[in-house]
Amino acid sequence: MISLAHAQSAAAPSAGFTDFLPLIIIFILFWFMLIRPQMKRAKEQKKMLSEIQKGDEVITASGQVGKVAKIGEQYMSLEIADGVITHVQKQSIQTLLPKGTIKGL
């Protein structure tokens, strides 16, 4: 009444290119949607920071608007009002404004 169970032979492992294809596609999507745009933005930010000169009007990452009074290695001095100067890190400069923007605020 009970039939004998026979072990089935194991299938040959198929580790090939098609097994890794979804991982490769996900990496390519991450590259084009996240990594590449971030690298492009960082390059533009670095270029903008190297081109800033005394007298340029800028916005910091915290939203502070001012005119560049002095440029150092790591820090910049911003004149945020007549006679009021603050010191900020160069990396915190987010946007370079067109000349005369502060007067229009």
C-alpha atoms as a PDB file:
ATOM      1  CA  MET A   1       0.000   0.000   0.000  1.00  0.00           C
ATOM      2  CA  ILE A   2       2.730   2.456   0.780  1.00  0.00           C
ATOM      3  CA  SER A   3       4.908   3.097  -2.202  1.00  0.00           C
ATOM      4  CA  LEU A   4       8.569   3.664  -1.755  1.00  0.00           C
ATOM      5  CA  ALA A   5       9.773   7.249  -2.030  1.00  0.00           C
ATOM      6  CA  HIS A   6      12.829   7.683  -4.159  1.00  0.00           C
ATOM      7  CA  ALA A   7      15.115  10.659  -3.825  1.00  0.00           C
ATOM      8  CA  GLN A   8      15.094  12.932  -6.811  1.00  0.00           C
ATOM      9  CA  SER A   9      18.428  13.830  -8.308  1.00  0.00           C
ATOM     10  CA  ALA A  10      19.552  17.391  -7.508  1.00  0.00           C
ATOM     11  CA  ALA A  11      19.444  19.946 -10.282  1.00  0.00           C
ATOM     12  CA  ALA A  12      22.734  21.393 -11.418  1.00  0.00           C
ATOM     13  CA  PRO A  13      23.415  24.811  -9.870  1.00  0.00           C
ATOM     14  CA  SER A  14      22.877  27.574 -12.419  1.00  0.00           C
ATOM     15  CA  ALA A  15      24.924  30.511 -11.181  1.00  0.00           C
ATOM     16  CA  GLY A  16      25.102  32.717 -14.198  1.00  0.00           C
ATOM     17  CA  PHE A  17      24.793  36.252 -15.437  1.00  0.00           C
ATOM     18  CA  THR A  18      20.988  36.184 -15.325  1.00  0.00           C
ATOM     19  CA  ASP A  19      20.997  35.659 -11.543  1.00  0.00           C
ATOM     20  CA  PHE A  20      22.850  38.941 -11.021  1.00  0.00           C
ATOM     21  CA  LEU A  21      21.000  40.902 -13.690  1.00  0.00           C
ATOM     22  CA  PRO A  22      18.447  42.462 -11.265  1.00  0.00           C
ATOM     23  CA  LEU A  23      21.252  43.648  -8.965  1.00  0.00           C
ATOM     24  CA  ILE A  24      23.120  45.156 -11.895  1.00  0.00           C
ATOM     25  CA  ILE A  25      19.982  46.965 -13.100  1.00  0.00           C
ATOM     26  CA  ILE A  26      19.311  48.345  -9.594  1.00  0.00           C
ATOM     27  CA  PHE A  27      22.901  49.611  -9.347  1.00  0.00           C
ATOM     28  CA  ILE A  28      22.616  51.328 -12.747  1.00  0.00           C
ATOM     29  CA  LEU A  29      19.360  52.990 -11.680  1.00  0.00           C
ATOM     30  CA  PHE A  30      20.934  54.199  -8.421  1.00  0.00           C
ATOM     31  CA  TRP A  31      23.894  55.552 -10.382  1.00  0.00           C
ATOM     32  CA  PHE A  32      21.800  57.616 -12.782  1.00  0.00           C
ATOM     33  CA  MET A  33      19.139  58.726 -10.290  1.00  0.00           C
ATOM     34  CA  LEU A  34      21.161  59.380  -7.095  1.00  0.00           C
ATOM     35  CA  ILE A  35      24.936  59.218  -7.361  1.00  0.00           C
ATOM     36  CA  ARG A  36      25.540  61.007 -10.672  1.00  0.00           C
ATOM     37  CA  PRO A  37      23.314  64.051  -9.963  1.00  0.00           C
ATOM     38  CA  GLN A  38      24.871  64.416  -6.496  1.00  0.00           C
ATOM     39  CA  MET A  39      28.380  64.366  -7.961  1.00  0.00           C
ATOM     40  CA  LYS A  40      27.364  66.941 -10.578  1.00  0.00           C
ATOM     41  CA  ARG A  41      25.898  69.239  -7.920  1.00  0.00           C
ATOM     42  CA  ALA A  42      29.025  68.903  -5.749  1.00  0.00           C
ATOM     43  CA  LYS A  43      31.224  69.838  -8.716  1.00  0.00           C
ATOM     44  CA  GLU A  44      29.081  72.923  -9.450  1.00  0.00           C
ATOM     45  CA  GLN A  45      29.189  73.941  -5.758  1.00  0.00           C
ATOM     46  CA  LYS A  46      32.977  73.629  -5.656  1.00  0.00           C
ATOM     47  CA  LYS A  47      33.310  75.719  -8.833  1.00  0.00           C
ATOM     48  CA  MET A  48      30.968  78.392  -7.440  1.00  0.00           C
ATOM     49  CA  LEU A  49      32.956  78.591  -4.178  1.00  0.00           C
ATOM     50  CA  SER A  50      36.226  79.000  -6.045  1.00  0.00           C
ATOM     51  CA  GLU A  51      34.805  81.883  -8.126  1.00  0.00           C
ATOM     52  CA  ILE A  52      33.399  83.941  -5.220  1.00  0.00           C
ATOM     53  CA  GLN A  53      35.074  87.340  -4.845  1.00  0.00           C
ATOM     54  CA  LYS A  54      34.914  90.175  -2.376  1.00  0.00           C
ATOM     55  CA  GLY A  55      31.696  92.162  -2.862  1.00  0.00           C
ATOM     56  CA  ASP A  56      29.604  89.232  -4.158  1.00  0.00           C
ATOM     57  CA  GLU A  57      26.178  88.731  -2.622  1.00  0.00           C
ATOM     58  CA  VAL A  58      25.465  85.243  -1.297  1.00  0.00           C
ATOM     59  CA  ILE A  59      22.962  83.156   0.654  1.00  0.00           C
ATOM     60  CA  THR A  60      24.183  80.687   3.274  1.00  0.00           C
ATOM     61  CA  ALA A  61      22.658  77.268   3.932  1.00  0.00           C
ATOM     62  CA  SER A  62      20.882  78.752   6.970  1.00  0.00           C
ATOM     63  CA  GLY A  63      19.243  81.430   4.829  1.00  0.00           C
ATOM     64  CA  GLN A  64      21.434  84.353   5.874  1.00  0.00           C
ATOM     65  CA  VAL A  65      21.898  86.898   3.069  1.00  0.00           C
ATOM     66  CA  GLY A  66      25.027  89.020   2.947  1.00  0.00           C
ATOM     67  CA  LYS A  67      27.832  90.580   0.983  1.00  0.00           C
ATOM     68  CA  VAL A  68      31.277  88.972   1.055  1.00  0.00           C
ATOM     69  CA  ALA A  69      33.643  91.240   2.979  1.00  0.00           C
ATOM     70  CA  LYS A  70      36.687  88.979   3.339  1.00  0.00           C
ATOM     71  CA  ILE A  71      37.701  85.549   2.024  1.00  0.00           C
ATOM     72  CA  GLY A  72      40.008  83.179   3.895  1.00  0.00           C
ATOM     73  CA  GLU A  73      41.082  79.566   3.488  1.00  0.00           C
ATOM     74  CA  GLN A  74      38.189  77.998   5.414  1.00  0.00           C
ATOM     75  CA  TYR A  75      36.005  80.956   6.387  1.00  0.00           C
ATOM     76  CA  MET A  76      34.382  84.021   4.826  1.00  0.00           C
ATOM     77  CA  SER A  77      33.253  87.246   6.423  1.00  0.00           C
ATOM     78  CA  LEU A  78      29.765  88.352   5.409  1.00  0.00           C
ATOM     79  CA  GLU A  79      28.407  91.835   5.910  1.00  0.00           C
ATOM     80  CA  ILE A  80      24.749  91.228   6.711  1.00  0.00           C
ATOM     81  CA  ALA A  81      23.975  94.874   7.569  1.00  0.00           C
ATOM     82  CA  ASP A  82      25.894  98.127   7.656  1.00  0.00           C
ATOM     83  CA  GLY A  83      28.817  97.489  10.007  1.00  0.00           C
ATOM     84  CA  VAL A  84      27.580  94.001  11.049  1.00  0.00           C
ATOM     85  CA  ILE A  85      29.986  91.261   9.948  1.00  0.00           C
ATOM     86  CA  THR A  86      29.588  87.544  10.593  1.00  0.00           C
ATOM     87  CA  HIS A  87      32.037  84.747   9.897  1.00  0.00           C
ATOM     88  CA  VAL A  88      30.809  81.601   8.144  1.00  0.00           C
ATOM     89  CA  GLN A  89      32.458  78.522   6.707  1.00  0.00           C
ATOM     90  CA  LYS A  90      32.961  78.558   2.957  1.00  0.00           C
ATOM     91  CA  GLN A  91      31.058  75.293   2.633  1.00  0.00           C
ATOM     92  CA  SER A  92      27.922  76.894   4.063  1.00  0.00           C
ATOM     93  CA  ILE A  93      27.611  79.261   1.074  1.00  0.00           C
ATOM     94  CA  GLN A  94      24.732  77.881  -0.934  1.00  0.00           C
ATOM     95  CA  THR A  95      23.841  80.404  -3.639  1.00  0.00           C
ATOM     96  CA  LEU A  96      25.579  83.245  -5.417  1.00  0.00           C
ATOM     97  CA  LEU A  97      23.122  86.092  -6.001  1.00  0.00           C
ATOM     98  CA  PRO A  98      23.147  88.652  -8.829  1.00  0.00           C
ATOM     99  CA  LYS A  99      24.561  92.082  -7.909  1.00  0.00           C
ATOM    100  CA  GLY A 100      22.025  94.414  -6.298  1.00  0.00           C
ATOM    101  CA  THR A 101      19.741  91.682  -4.956  1.00  0.00           C
ATOM    102  CA  ILE A 102      20.209  92.695  -1.324  1.00  0.00           C
ATOM    103  CA  LYS A 103      19.028  96.256  -2.008  1.00  0.00           C
ATOM    104  CA  GLY A 104      15.843  94.869  -3.550  1.00  0.00           C
ATOM    105  CA  LEU A 105      14.930  92.864  -0.446  1.00  0.00           C
END
